[in-house]
Amino acid sequence: MSRPSAESLGTEPVDAEPVGAESLGTEPVDAGRLADLIAAAVGACPDVARLSAGPVATYLPGRSVPGVAVRDGEVRVAVVARYGRPLAEIAEQVRAAVAPLVPARRVDVTIDDLAIGDEEQERRPASDSAAGAEGGERDPSVA
């Protein structure tokens, strides 16, 4: 019996293959810079809460770009979408934002999760919320 591949299981490979330099305008762009540009374009999409921290990433010396895997023939993007719009429309919004940066590559979009409500409130630590509610002032008579 053959072993199923990662793609047949619906999971993403963890590493990104090396990529040759591309030209964006007049200057060549390396894989790290391209991943950063893609991440910024996706982050500007109104229905994307954030890039996913899942296994899709571009791994670079000393850092990674989570949610973006840059490969020779394709780009994979994994996002957390804002709740409300059809997921197919959000995926198309992401593709439209990324396509001009990688005209010769296929763009695959995965929606890993949905963000419901105010993202800033959900991501803020409880200690920050408590300090904000108290106005940050303390009664000097209380030890």
N, C-alpha and C. Protein backbone atom coordinates (compact mmCIF):
# COMPACT_ATOMS: atom_id res chain seq x y z
N MET A 1 0.84 -1.17 0.00
CA MET A 1 0.00 0.00 0.00
C MET A 1 0.89 1.24 0.00
N SER A 2 0.58 2.21 -0.85
CA SER A 2 1.42 3.40 -0.94
C SER A 2 1.05 4.40 0.15
N ARG A 3 2.02 5.16 0.53
CA ARG A 3 1.85 6.17 1.57
C ARG A 3 1.28 7.44 0.95
N PRO A 4 0.25 8.07 1.56
CA PRO A 4 -0.33 9.28 0.97
C PRO A 4 0.64 10.44 1.06
N SER A 5 0.57 11.31 0.05
CA SER A 5 1.42 12.50 0.06
C SER A 5 0.80 13.57 0.93
N ALA A 6 1.61 14.59 1.28
CA ALA A 6 1.11 15.70 2.10
C ALA A 6 -0.02 16.43 1.39
N GLU A 7 0.09 16.58 0.05
CA GLU A 7 -0.95 17.28 -0.68
C GLU A 7 -2.26 16.51 -0.71
N SER A 8 -2.19 15.16 -0.78
CA SER A 8 -3.43 14.40 -0.80
C SER A 8 -4.13 14.43 0.55
N LEU A 9 -3.37 14.70 1.61
CA LEU A 9 -3.95 14.81 2.94
C LEU A 9 -4.44 16.22 3.24
N GLY A 10 -4.17 17.17 2.33
CA GLY A 10 -4.61 18.54 2.53
C GLY A 10 -3.69 19.35 3.43
N THR A 11 -2.47 18.86 3.65
CA THR A 11 -1.52 19.61 4.46
C THR A 11 -0.47 20.23 3.56
N GLU A 12 0.20 21.23 4.04
CA GLU A 12 1.21 21.93 3.27
C GLU A 12 2.60 21.45 3.69
N PRO A 13 3.51 21.26 2.74
CA PRO A 13 4.89 20.97 3.12
C PRO A 13 5.45 22.12 3.94
N VAL A 14 6.35 21.81 4.85
CA VAL A 14 6.84 22.81 5.78
C VAL A 14 7.89 23.72 5.18
N ASP A 15 8.70 23.24 4.27
CA ASP A 15 9.78 24.08 3.76
C ASP A 15 9.47 24.61 2.37
N ALA A 16 10.16 25.68 2.01
CA ALA A 16 10.00 26.26 0.69
C ALA A 16 11.25 25.95 -0.13
N GLU A 17 11.05 25.63 -1.39
CA GLU A 17 12.18 25.35 -2.26
C GLU A 17 12.91 26.64 -2.58
N PRO A 18 14.20 26.56 -2.89
CA PRO A 18 14.92 27.78 -3.26
C PRO A 18 14.35 28.38 -4.53
N VAL A 19 14.44 29.68 -4.62
CA VAL A 19 13.84 30.39 -5.75
C VAL A 19 14.88 31.28 -6.38
N GLY A 20 14.89 31.34 -7.69
CA GLY A 20 15.79 32.25 -8.39
C GLY A 20 15.30 33.68 -8.27
N ALA A 21 16.15 34.62 -8.61
CA ALA A 21 15.78 36.03 -8.52
C ALA A 21 14.72 36.36 -9.56
N GLU A 22 13.78 37.19 -9.20
CA GLU A 22 12.74 37.67 -10.10
C GLU A 22 12.97 39.14 -10.34
N SER A 23 12.32 39.66 -11.33
CA SER A 23 12.40 41.08 -11.59
C SER A 23 11.06 41.71 -11.29
N LEU A 24 11.06 42.68 -10.42
CA LEU A 24 9.85 43.42 -10.09
C LEU A 24 10.15 44.86 -10.46
N GLY A 25 9.68 45.28 -11.61
CA GLY A 25 10.07 46.59 -12.11
C GLY A 25 11.44 46.45 -12.75
N THR A 26 12.42 47.22 -12.28
CA THR A 26 13.75 47.19 -12.88
C THR A 26 14.77 46.47 -12.03
N GLU A 27 14.48 46.20 -10.77
CA GLU A 27 15.48 45.56 -9.91
C GLU A 27 15.09 44.11 -9.60
N PRO A 28 16.08 43.21 -9.54
CA PRO A 28 15.78 41.83 -9.21
C PRO A 28 15.34 41.71 -7.75
N VAL A 29 14.45 40.75 -7.50
CA VAL A 29 13.92 40.56 -6.15
C VAL A 29 14.23 39.13 -5.72
N ASP A 30 14.87 38.96 -4.56
CA ASP A 30 15.15 37.61 -4.08
C ASP A 30 13.93 37.04 -3.37
N ALA A 31 14.01 35.77 -3.00
CA ALA A 31 12.86 35.08 -2.41
C ALA A 31 12.40 35.75 -1.12
N GLY A 32 13.32 36.20 -0.28
CA GLY A 32 12.96 36.85 0.98
C GLY A 32 12.22 38.15 0.76
N ARG A 33 12.74 38.97 -0.12
CA ARG A 33 12.09 40.25 -0.41
C ARG A 33 10.72 40.01 -1.06
N LEU A 34 10.66 39.03 -1.96
CA LEU A 34 9.39 38.71 -2.62
C LEU A 34 8.36 38.23 -1.59
N ALA A 35 8.79 37.38 -0.67
CA ALA A 35 7.88 36.90 0.39
C ALA A 35 7.39 38.07 1.24
N ASP A 36 8.27 39.02 1.55
CA ASP A 36 7.87 40.19 2.33
C ASP A 36 6.86 41.05 1.56
N LEU A 37 7.10 41.23 0.26
CA LEU A 37 6.17 42.01 -0.57
C LEU A 37 4.80 41.33 -0.64
N ILE A 38 4.81 40.02 -0.79
CA ILE A 38 3.55 39.27 -0.84
C ILE A 38 2.82 39.39 0.50
N ALA A 39 3.56 39.24 1.60
CA ALA A 39 2.94 39.35 2.93
C ALA A 39 2.31 40.73 3.12
N ALA A 40 2.97 41.78 2.66
CA ALA A 40 2.42 43.13 2.78
C ALA A 40 1.16 43.29 1.93
N ALA A 41 1.19 42.75 0.71
CA ALA A 41 0.02 42.84 -0.18
C ALA A 41 -1.17 42.10 0.42
N VAL A 42 -0.93 40.91 0.96
CA VAL A 42 -2.01 40.13 1.56
C VAL A 42 -2.53 40.82 2.82
N GLY A 43 -1.64 41.38 3.62
CA GLY A 43 -2.04 42.09 4.84
C GLY A 43 -2.91 43.30 4.55
N ALA A 44 -2.80 43.86 3.35
CA ALA A 44 -3.61 45.02 2.97
C ALA A 44 -5.01 44.63 2.49
N CYS A 45 -5.26 43.34 2.32
CA CYS A 45 -6.59 42.90 1.88
C CYS A 45 -7.59 43.12 3.01
N PRO A 46 -8.69 43.80 2.75
CA PRO A 46 -9.62 44.16 3.82
C PRO A 46 -10.29 42.97 4.51
N ASP A 47 -10.39 41.83 3.83
CA ASP A 47 -11.05 40.68 4.43
C ASP A 47 -10.07 39.66 4.99
N VAL A 48 -8.80 40.03 5.11
CA VAL A 48 -7.79 39.16 5.71
C VAL A 48 -7.43 39.74 7.08
N ALA A 49 -7.63 38.93 8.12
CA ALA A 49 -7.27 39.38 9.47
C ALA A 49 -5.76 39.34 9.67
N ARG A 50 -5.13 38.28 9.15
CA ARG A 50 -3.68 38.14 9.27
C ARG A 50 -3.24 36.92 8.47
N LEU A 51 -1.94 36.82 8.25
CA LEU A 51 -1.38 35.61 7.66
C LEU A 51 -1.42 34.51 8.70
N SER A 52 -1.56 33.30 8.26
CA SER A 52 -1.64 32.17 9.18
C SER A 52 -0.25 31.80 9.68
N ALA A 53 -0.18 31.34 10.90
CA ALA A 53 1.09 30.90 11.49
C ALA A 53 1.30 29.41 11.27
N GLY A 54 0.52 28.81 10.41
CA GLY A 54 0.59 27.37 10.17
C GLY A 54 1.86 26.96 9.46
N PRO A 55 1.87 25.79 8.87
CA PRO A 55 3.11 25.26 8.29
C PRO A 55 3.53 25.91 6.98
N VAL A 56 2.67 26.71 6.36
CA VAL A 56 3.06 27.40 5.12
C VAL A 56 3.95 28.56 5.50
N ALA A 57 5.19 28.58 4.95
CA ALA A 57 6.13 29.66 5.28
C ALA A 57 7.27 29.66 4.28
N THR A 58 7.94 30.79 4.19
CA THR A 58 9.20 30.89 3.46
C THR A 58 10.28 30.96 4.53
N TYR A 59 11.17 29.98 4.52
CA TYR A 59 12.23 29.90 5.52
C TYR A 59 13.50 30.51 4.95
N LEU A 60 14.02 31.50 5.67
CA LEU A 60 15.19 32.25 5.24
C LEU A 60 16.25 32.18 6.34
N PRO A 61 17.48 32.52 6.03
CA PRO A 61 18.49 32.52 7.09
C PRO A 61 18.13 33.49 8.21
N GLY A 62 17.93 32.97 9.40
CA GLY A 62 17.65 33.80 10.57
C GLY A 62 16.21 34.23 10.75
N ARG A 63 15.32 33.92 9.83
CA ARG A 63 13.93 34.32 9.98
C ARG A 63 13.05 33.52 9.02
N SER A 64 11.76 33.70 9.17
CA SER A 64 10.82 33.11 8.23
C SER A 64 9.69 34.10 7.98
N VAL A 65 8.97 33.88 6.91
CA VAL A 65 7.79 34.68 6.59
C VAL A 65 6.61 33.72 6.67
N PRO A 66 5.92 33.69 7.82
CA PRO A 66 4.81 32.75 7.98
C PRO A 66 3.63 33.12 7.08
N GLY A 67 2.98 32.08 6.56
CA GLY A 67 1.81 32.29 5.73
C GLY A 67 2.09 32.48 4.26
N VAL A 68 3.37 32.53 3.88
CA VAL A 68 3.75 32.72 2.48
C VAL A 68 4.86 31.73 2.13
N ALA A 69 4.62 30.86 1.15
CA ALA A 69 5.65 29.95 0.66
C ALA A 69 5.93 30.30 -0.79
N VAL A 70 7.15 30.75 -1.05
CA VAL A 70 7.56 31.15 -2.40
C VAL A 70 8.33 29.99 -3.01
N ARG A 71 7.85 29.52 -4.16
CA ARG A 71 8.48 28.41 -4.87
C ARG A 71 8.71 28.80 -6.31
N ASP A 72 9.42 27.95 -7.05
CA ASP A 72 9.72 28.26 -8.45
C ASP A 72 8.48 28.47 -9.30
N GLY A 73 7.50 27.56 -9.22
CA GLY A 73 6.34 27.66 -10.09
C GLY A 73 5.07 28.11 -9.42
N GLU A 74 5.12 28.35 -8.11
CA GLU A 74 3.89 28.71 -7.40
C GLU A 74 4.20 29.50 -6.14
N VAL A 75 3.17 30.13 -5.65
CA VAL A 75 3.20 30.80 -4.35
C VAL A 75 2.02 30.27 -3.57
N ARG A 76 2.26 29.86 -2.33
CA ARG A 76 1.18 29.42 -1.46
C ARG A 76 1.01 30.45 -0.36
N VAL A 77 -0.24 30.82 -0.13
CA VAL A 77 -0.55 31.82 0.88
C VAL A 77 -1.60 31.22 1.81
N ALA A 78 -1.37 31.30 3.12
CA ALA A 78 -2.33 30.81 4.11
C ALA A 78 -2.73 31.99 4.99
N VAL A 79 -4.04 32.18 5.14
CA VAL A 79 -4.54 33.35 5.86
C VAL A 79 -5.60 32.97 6.90
N VAL A 80 -5.82 33.90 7.80
CA VAL A 80 -6.98 33.88 8.69
C VAL A 80 -7.88 34.98 8.14
N ALA A 81 -9.07 34.59 7.71
CA ALA A 81 -10.00 35.53 7.07
C ALA A 81 -10.94 36.14 8.09
N ARG A 82 -11.38 37.35 7.79
CA ARG A 82 -12.41 37.98 8.62
C ARG A 82 -13.76 37.34 8.28
N TYR A 83 -14.56 37.09 9.28
CA TYR A 83 -15.86 36.48 9.09
C TYR A 83 -16.79 37.45 8.37
N GLY A 84 -17.59 36.94 7.44
CA GLY A 84 -18.61 37.78 6.84
C GLY A 84 -18.77 37.60 5.35
N ARG A 85 -17.69 37.51 4.62
CA ARG A 85 -17.78 37.36 3.16
C ARG A 85 -17.60 35.90 2.79
N PRO A 86 -18.10 35.49 1.63
CA PRO A 86 -17.85 34.12 1.17
C PRO A 86 -16.35 33.85 1.04
N LEU A 87 -15.93 32.67 1.46
CA LEU A 87 -14.51 32.34 1.47
C LEU A 87 -13.91 32.37 0.07
N ALA A 88 -14.66 31.96 -0.94
CA ALA A 88 -14.15 32.00 -2.31
C ALA A 88 -13.82 33.43 -2.74
N GLU A 89 -14.62 34.39 -2.31
CA GLU A 89 -14.35 35.79 -2.63
C GLU A 89 -13.10 36.30 -1.92
N ILE A 90 -12.91 35.87 -0.69
CA ILE A 90 -11.70 36.27 0.05
C ILE A 90 -10.46 35.68 -0.62
N ALA A 91 -10.53 34.42 -1.00
CA ALA A 91 -9.40 33.78 -1.68
C ALA A 91 -9.08 34.50 -2.99
N GLU A 92 -10.09 34.89 -3.72
CA GLU A 92 -9.88 35.62 -4.97
C GLU A 92 -9.29 37.01 -4.70
N GLN A 93 -9.70 37.65 -3.62
CA GLN A 93 -9.14 38.94 -3.22
C GLN A 93 -7.63 38.80 -2.97
N VAL A 94 -7.24 37.73 -2.28
CA VAL A 94 -5.83 37.48 -2.00
C VAL A 94 -5.07 37.21 -3.30
N ARG A 95 -5.63 36.37 -4.17
CA ARG A 95 -4.98 36.08 -5.46
C ARG A 95 -4.78 37.35 -6.27
N ALA A 96 -5.79 38.21 -6.29
CA ALA A 96 -5.69 39.46 -7.06
C ALA A 96 -4.61 40.38 -6.50
N ALA A 97 -4.40 40.35 -5.19
CA ALA A 97 -3.37 41.18 -4.57
C ALA A 97 -1.97 40.64 -4.86
N VAL A 98 -1.84 39.32 -4.95
CA VAL A 98 -0.52 38.68 -5.10
C VAL A 98 -0.12 38.54 -6.57
N ALA A 99 -1.06 38.29 -7.45
CA ALA A 99 -0.76 38.00 -8.86
C ALA A 99 0.16 39.01 -9.54
N PRO A 100 0.00 40.32 -9.35
CA PRO A 100 0.91 41.26 -10.02
C PRO A 100 2.37 41.13 -9.56
N LEU A 101 2.59 40.59 -8.37
CA LEU A 101 3.94 40.43 -7.86
C LEU A 101 4.63 39.19 -8.42
N VAL A 102 3.82 38.20 -8.85
CA VAL A 102 4.36 36.93 -9.35
C VAL A 102 3.62 36.51 -10.62
N PRO A 103 3.76 37.27 -11.71
CA PRO A 103 2.95 37.03 -12.90
C PRO A 103 3.15 35.65 -13.54
N ALA A 104 4.29 35.02 -13.34
CA ALA A 104 4.55 33.73 -13.99
C ALA A 104 4.28 32.54 -13.07
N ARG A 105 3.67 32.78 -11.92
CA ARG A 105 3.45 31.70 -10.95
C ARG A 105 1.98 31.54 -10.61
N ARG A 106 1.62 30.30 -10.30
CA ARG A 106 0.27 30.00 -9.80
C ARG A 106 0.21 30.46 -8.34
N VAL A 107 -0.93 30.99 -7.93
CA VAL A 107 -1.12 31.44 -6.54
C VAL A 107 -2.21 30.57 -5.91
N ASP A 108 -1.80 29.77 -4.92
CA ASP A 108 -2.73 28.93 -4.17
C ASP A 108 -3.01 29.60 -2.83
N VAL A 109 -4.29 29.69 -2.47
CA VAL A 109 -4.69 30.35 -1.23
C VAL A 109 -5.40 29.33 -0.34
N THR A 110 -4.98 29.27 0.92
CA THR A 110 -5.63 28.43 1.92
C THR A 110 -6.16 29.34 3.02
N ILE A 111 -7.41 29.15 3.38
CA ILE A 111 -7.99 29.88 4.52
C ILE A 111 -7.99 28.92 5.69
N ASP A 112 -7.08 29.18 6.65
CA ASP A 112 -6.87 28.28 7.78
C ASP A 112 -7.87 28.48 8.91
N ASP A 113 -8.39 29.70 9.04
CA ASP A 113 -9.27 29.99 10.17
C ASP A 113 -10.08 31.25 9.85
N LEU A 114 -11.09 31.50 10.69
CA LEU A 114 -11.89 32.71 10.59
C LEU A 114 -11.73 33.53 11.85
N ALA A 115 -11.61 34.82 11.70
CA ALA A 115 -11.56 35.74 12.83
C ALA A 115 -12.94 36.36 12.98
N ILE A 116 -13.50 36.21 14.15
CA ILE A 116 -14.84 36.75 14.42
C ILE A 116 -14.70 37.81 15.50
N GLY A 117 -15.20 39.00 15.23
CA GLY A 117 -15.12 40.07 16.23
C GLY A 117 -13.87 40.90 16.05
N ASP A 118 -13.59 41.69 17.07
CA ASP A 118 -12.48 42.62 17.04
C ASP A 118 -11.16 41.88 17.28
N GLU A 119 -10.31 41.79 16.25
CA GLU A 119 -9.03 41.09 16.36
C GLU A 119 -8.14 41.69 17.44
N GLU A 120 -8.12 42.99 17.57
CA GLU A 120 -7.24 43.62 18.56
C GLU A 120 -7.63 43.22 19.98
N GLN A 121 -8.91 43.13 20.26
CA GLN A 121 -9.36 42.72 21.59
C GLN A 121 -8.99 41.27 21.86
N GLU A 122 -9.13 40.41 20.84
CA GLU A 122 -8.83 39.00 21.00
C GLU A 122 -7.35 38.76 21.22
N ARG A 123 -6.50 39.56 20.60
CA ARG A 123 -5.05 39.34 20.65
C ARG A 123 -4.38 40.08 21.80
N ARG A 124 -5.09 41.00 22.47
CA ARG A 124 -4.52 41.78 23.56
C ARG A 124 -4.44 40.92 24.82
N PRO A 125 -3.28 40.89 25.51
CA PRO A 125 -3.17 40.13 26.76
C PRO A 125 -4.14 40.65 27.81
N ALA A 126 -4.61 39.77 28.69
CA ALA A 126 -5.57 40.14 29.73
C ALA A 126 -5.01 41.22 30.65
N SER A 127 -3.71 41.21 30.91
CA SER A 127 -3.12 42.21 31.80
C SER A 127 -3.23 43.61 31.21
N ASP A 128 -3.11 43.72 29.87
CA ASP A 128 -3.27 45.03 29.23
C ASP A 128 -4.71 45.51 29.35
N SER A 129 -5.67 44.60 29.19
CA SER A 129 -7.08 44.97 29.28
C SER A 129 -7.42 45.44 30.67
N ALA A 130 -6.90 44.77 31.69
CA ALA A 130 -7.19 45.15 33.07
C ALA A 130 -6.61 46.52 33.39
N ALA A 131 -5.38 46.77 32.91
CA ALA A 131 -4.76 48.08 33.17
C ALA A 131 -5.53 49.18 32.48
N GLY A 132 -6.01 48.89 31.26
CA GLY A 132 -6.78 49.89 30.54
C GLY A 132 -8.10 50.19 31.22
N ALA A 133 -8.73 49.18 31.80
CA ALA A 133 -10.02 49.38 32.45
C ALA A 133 -9.86 50.21 33.71
N GLU A 134 -8.71 50.09 34.37
CA GLU A 134 -8.48 50.84 35.59
C GLU A 134 -7.89 52.21 35.31
N GLY A 135 -7.59 52.46 34.06
CA GLY A 135 -7.02 53.76 33.70
C GLY A 135 -5.54 53.85 34.04
N GLY A 136 -4.92 52.75 34.48
CA GLY A 136 -3.51 52.74 34.77
C GLY A 136 -3.15 53.43 36.06
N GLU A 137 -4.11 53.95 36.81
CA GLU A 137 -3.82 54.64 38.06
C GLU A 137 -4.07 53.70 39.22
N ARG A 138 -3.24 53.83 40.26
CA ARG A 138 -3.40 53.01 41.43
C ARG A 138 -3.63 53.91 42.64
N ASP A 139 -4.40 53.43 43.57
CA ASP A 139 -4.63 54.15 44.82
C ASP A 139 -3.38 53.97 45.68
N PRO A 140 -2.69 55.07 46.07
CA PRO A 140 -1.45 54.95 46.85
C PRO A 140 -1.68 54.33 48.23
N SER A 141 -2.88 54.34 48.76
CA SER A 141 -3.12 53.77 50.07
C SER A 141 -3.23 52.25 50.04
N VAL A 142 -3.35 51.67 48.81
CA VAL A 142 -3.45 50.21 48.69
C VAL A 142 -2.08 49.65 48.37
N ALA A 143 -1.62 48.69 49.17
CA ALA A 143 -0.28 48.13 48.96
C ALA A 143 -0.30 47.04 47.93
